[in-house]
C-alpha atoms as a PDB file:
ATOM      1  CA  MET A   1     -13.665 -13.551 -10.375  1.00  0.00           C
ATOM      2  CA  ARG A   2     -10.586 -14.948 -12.030  1.00  0.00           C
ATOM      3  CA  GLU A   3     -10.483 -12.836 -14.669  1.00  0.00           C
ATOM      4  CA  SER A   4     -11.424  -9.954 -12.702  1.00  0.00           C
ATOM      5  CA  VAL A   5      -8.922  -6.905 -12.301  1.00  0.00           C
ATOM      6  CA  LEU A   6      -8.755  -5.050  -9.174  1.00  0.00           C
ATOM      7  CA  PHE A   7      -7.578  -1.538  -9.146  1.00  0.00           C
ATOM      8  CA  THR A   8      -6.807   0.443  -5.873  1.00  0.00           C
ATOM      9  CA  SER A   9      -4.599   3.732  -5.028  1.00  0.00           C
ATOM     10  CA  CYS A  10      -2.516   2.211  -2.237  1.00  0.00           C
ATOM     11  CA  ALA A  11      -1.009  -1.473  -2.377  1.00  0.00           C
ATOM     12  CA  PRO A  12      -3.353  -3.298  -0.195  1.00  0.00           C
ATOM     13  CA  CYS A  13      -2.589  -4.059   3.620  1.00  0.00           C
ATOM     14  CA  GLU A  14      -2.862  -8.239   4.479  1.00  0.00           C
ATOM     15  CA  ARG A  15      -6.301  -8.025   6.075  1.00  0.00           C
ATOM     16  CA  CYS A  16      -7.625  -6.559   2.347  1.00  0.00           C
ATOM     17  CA  LEU A  17      -5.348  -8.975   0.532  1.00  0.00           C
ATOM     18  CA  GLY A  18      -6.795 -12.016   2.172  1.00  0.00           C
ATOM     19  CA  ALA A  19     -10.417 -10.198   1.412  1.00  0.00           C
ATOM     20  CA  ILE A  20      -8.996 -10.097  -2.152  1.00  0.00           C
ATOM     21  CA  ALA A  21      -7.917 -13.372  -2.453  1.00  0.00           C
ATOM     22  CA  SER A  22     -11.187 -15.028  -0.879  1.00  0.00           C
ATOM     23  CA  LEU A  23     -13.304 -13.646  -3.400  1.00  0.00           C
ATOM     24  CA  GLY A  24     -10.973 -15.448  -5.955  1.00  0.00           C
ATOM     25  CA  ILE A  25      -9.617 -12.067  -7.675  1.00  0.00           C
ATOM     26  CA  GLN A  26      -6.152 -13.130  -8.671  1.00  0.00           C
ATOM     27  CA  THR A  27      -4.326  -9.646 -10.034  1.00  0.00           C
ATOM     28  CA  VAL A  28      -4.562  -6.500  -8.213  1.00  0.00           C
ATOM     29  CA  VAL A  29      -2.948  -3.298  -9.739  1.00  0.00           C
ATOM     30  CA  PHE A  30      -1.812  -0.805  -7.148  1.00  0.00           C
ATOM     31  CA  GLY A  31      -0.788   3.099  -7.021  1.00  0.00           C
ATOM     32  CA  VAL A  32       1.590   3.263  -4.093  1.00  0.00           C
ATOM     33  CA  SER A  33       3.586   0.864  -3.252  1.00  0.00           C
ATOM     34  CA  TYR A  34       4.131  -0.144   0.576  1.00  0.00           C
ATOM     35  CA  LYS A  35       7.682   1.398   0.676  1.00  0.00           C
ATOM     36  CA  GLU A  36       6.404   4.728  -0.137  1.00  0.00           C
ATOM     37  CA  PHE A  37       3.126   4.410   1.736  1.00  0.00           C
ATOM     38  CA  SER A  38       5.647   3.505   4.750  1.00  0.00           C
ATOM     39  CA  LYS A  39       6.987   7.485   4.574  1.00  0.00           C
ATOM     40  CA  LEU A  40       3.039   8.413   5.903  1.00  0.00           C
ATOM     41  CA  VAL A  41       2.926   5.613   8.940  1.00  0.00           C
ATOM     42  CA  PRO A  42       4.961   5.863  12.222  1.00  0.00           C
ATOM     43  CA  SER A  43       6.437   2.600  11.250  1.00  0.00           C
ATOM     44  CA  ASP A  44       9.453   1.365   9.239  1.00  0.00           C
ATOM     45  CA  TYR A  45       9.295  -0.063   5.562  1.00  0.00           C
ATOM     46  CA  VAL A  46       9.381  -3.795   6.407  1.00  0.00           C
ATOM     47  CA  PRO A  47       9.939  -6.061   2.712  1.00  0.00           C
ATOM     48  CA  ILE A  48       7.178  -8.724   2.987  1.00  0.00           C
ATOM     49  CA  ASP A  49       6.678 -11.437   0.131  1.00  0.00           C
ATOM     50  CA  ARG A  50       3.104 -11.191   0.368  1.00  0.00           C
ATOM     51  CA  GLU A  51       2.297 -12.762  -3.183  1.00  0.00           C
ATOM     52  CA  GLY A  52       4.992 -15.770  -1.329  1.00  0.00           C
ATOM     53  CA  LEU A  53       2.584 -16.000   1.921  1.00  0.00           C
ATOM     54  CA  LEU A  54      -0.375 -16.264  -0.276  1.00  0.00           C
ATOM     55  CA  LYS A  55       0.613 -18.971  -2.200  1.00  0.00           C
ATOM     56  CA  GLN A  56       1.435 -20.932   0.563  1.00  0.00           C
ATOM     57  CA  LEU A  57      -2.365 -20.326   1.636  1.00  0.00           C
ATOM     58  CA  GLY A  58      -3.189 -21.947  -2.152  1.00  0.00           C
ATOM     59  CA  PHE A  59      -4.038 -18.005  -3.252  1.00  0.00           C
ATOM     60  CA  ASN A  60      -2.467 -17.040  -6.606  1.00  0.00           C
ATOM     61  CA  ILE A  61      -2.206 -13.212  -6.399  1.00  0.00           C
ATOM     62  CA  ARG A  62      -0.574 -11.179  -8.748  1.00  0.00           C
ATOM     63  CA  LEU A  63       0.293  -7.178  -7.418  1.00  0.00           C
ATOM     64  CA  VAL A  64       0.967  -4.933 -10.208  1.00  0.00           C
ATOM     65  CA  GLY A  65       2.631  -1.776  -9.538  1.00  0.00           C
ATOM     66  CA  PRO A  66       3.475   0.937  -8.500  1.00  0.00           C
ATOM     67  CA  VAL A  67       1.686   2.819 -11.048  1.00  0.00           C
ATOM     68  CA  LEU A  68       1.967   6.360 -11.319  1.00  0.00           C
ATOM     69  CA  GLU A  69       3.303   6.451  -7.665  1.00  0.00           C
ATOM     70  CA  ASP A  70       4.266  10.180  -7.516  1.00  0.00           C
ATOM     71  CA  GLU A  71       0.884  11.090  -8.645  1.00  0.00           C
ATOM     72  CA  GLY A  72      -0.942   8.820  -6.116  1.00  0.00           C
ATOM     73  CA  MET A  73       1.302  10.026  -2.786  1.00  0.00           C
ATOM     74  CA  HIS A  74      -0.388  13.366  -3.499  1.00  0.00           C
ATOM     75  CA  VAL A  75      -3.804  12.085  -2.740  1.00  0.00           C
ATOM     76  CA  PHE A  76      -2.598  11.540   0.879  1.00  0.00           C
ATOM     77  CA  GLU A  77      -2.176  15.563   1.258  1.00  0.00           C
ATOM     78  CA  TYR A  78      -6.238  15.482   2.008  1.00  0.00           C
ATOM     79  CA  TRP A  79      -6.005  12.842   4.437  1.00  0.00           C
ATOM     80  CA  GLY A  80      -8.249  13.587   7.187  1.00  0.00           C
ATOM     81  CA  GLY A  81      -9.999  16.350   5.095  1.00  0.00           C
ATOM     82  CA  GLU A  82      -7.319  19.172   5.318  1.00  0.00           C
ATOM     83  CA  TYR A  83      -4.525  19.846   2.773  1.00  0.00           C
ATOM     84  CA  HIS A  84      -1.363  19.307   3.818  1.00  0.00           C
ATOM     85  CA  PRO A  85       2.143  19.431   2.145  1.00  0.00           C
ATOM     86  CA  LEU A  86       3.230  16.206   0.905  1.00  0.00           C
ATOM     87  CA  GLU A  87       6.841  17.147   1.654  1.00  0.00           C
ATOM     88  CA  ALA A  88       5.419  18.550   5.566  1.00  0.00           C
ATOM     89  CA  LEU A  89       3.674  14.912   6.238  1.00  0.00           C
ATOM     90  CA  ILE A  90       6.667  13.270   5.263  1.00  0.00           C
ATOM     91  CA  SER A  91       8.774  15.295   7.662  1.00  0.00           C
ATOM     92  CA  GLU A  92       6.233  14.783  10.212  1.00  0.00           C
ATOM     93  CA  MET A  93       6.549  11.011   9.952  1.00  0.00           C
ATOM     94  CA  ASP A  94      10.289  11.457  10.475  1.00  0.00           C
ATOM     95  CA  GLU A  95      10.376  13.136  13.340  1.00  0.00           C
ATOM     96  CA  ILE A  96       7.850  10.347  14.864  1.00  0.00           C
ATOM     97  CA  LYS A  97      10.307   7.577  13.551  1.00  0.00           C
ATOM     98  CA  LYS A  98      13.199   9.788  15.231  1.00  0.00           C
ATOM     99  CA  GLN A  99      11.854   9.804  18.585  1.00  0.00           C
ATOM    100  CA  LYS A 100      10.851   5.946  18.737  1.00  0.00           C
ATOM    101  CA  ARG A 101      14.543   4.896  18.132  1.00  0.00           C
END
């Protein structure tokens, strides 16, 4: 598994990274970064050194990306089975974030 490379559309969350690490996969290539994805959720982006944290636990994982991030963001236009323009989704989340502050 060490030579395996996992390709994913979005940077994996902490739980997914833990599962990936437990399999012995050491390279993950992702399309959409944590920072860009945070535009689509109701919480703000918080930079975290995920590779460093996993290294402290004895796992060597290399995160490679973002790759084709602009294109990858458009996948979320169909989130939930209906089409919603990316700009509208981001705008909606911006409003939700403003209300939370």
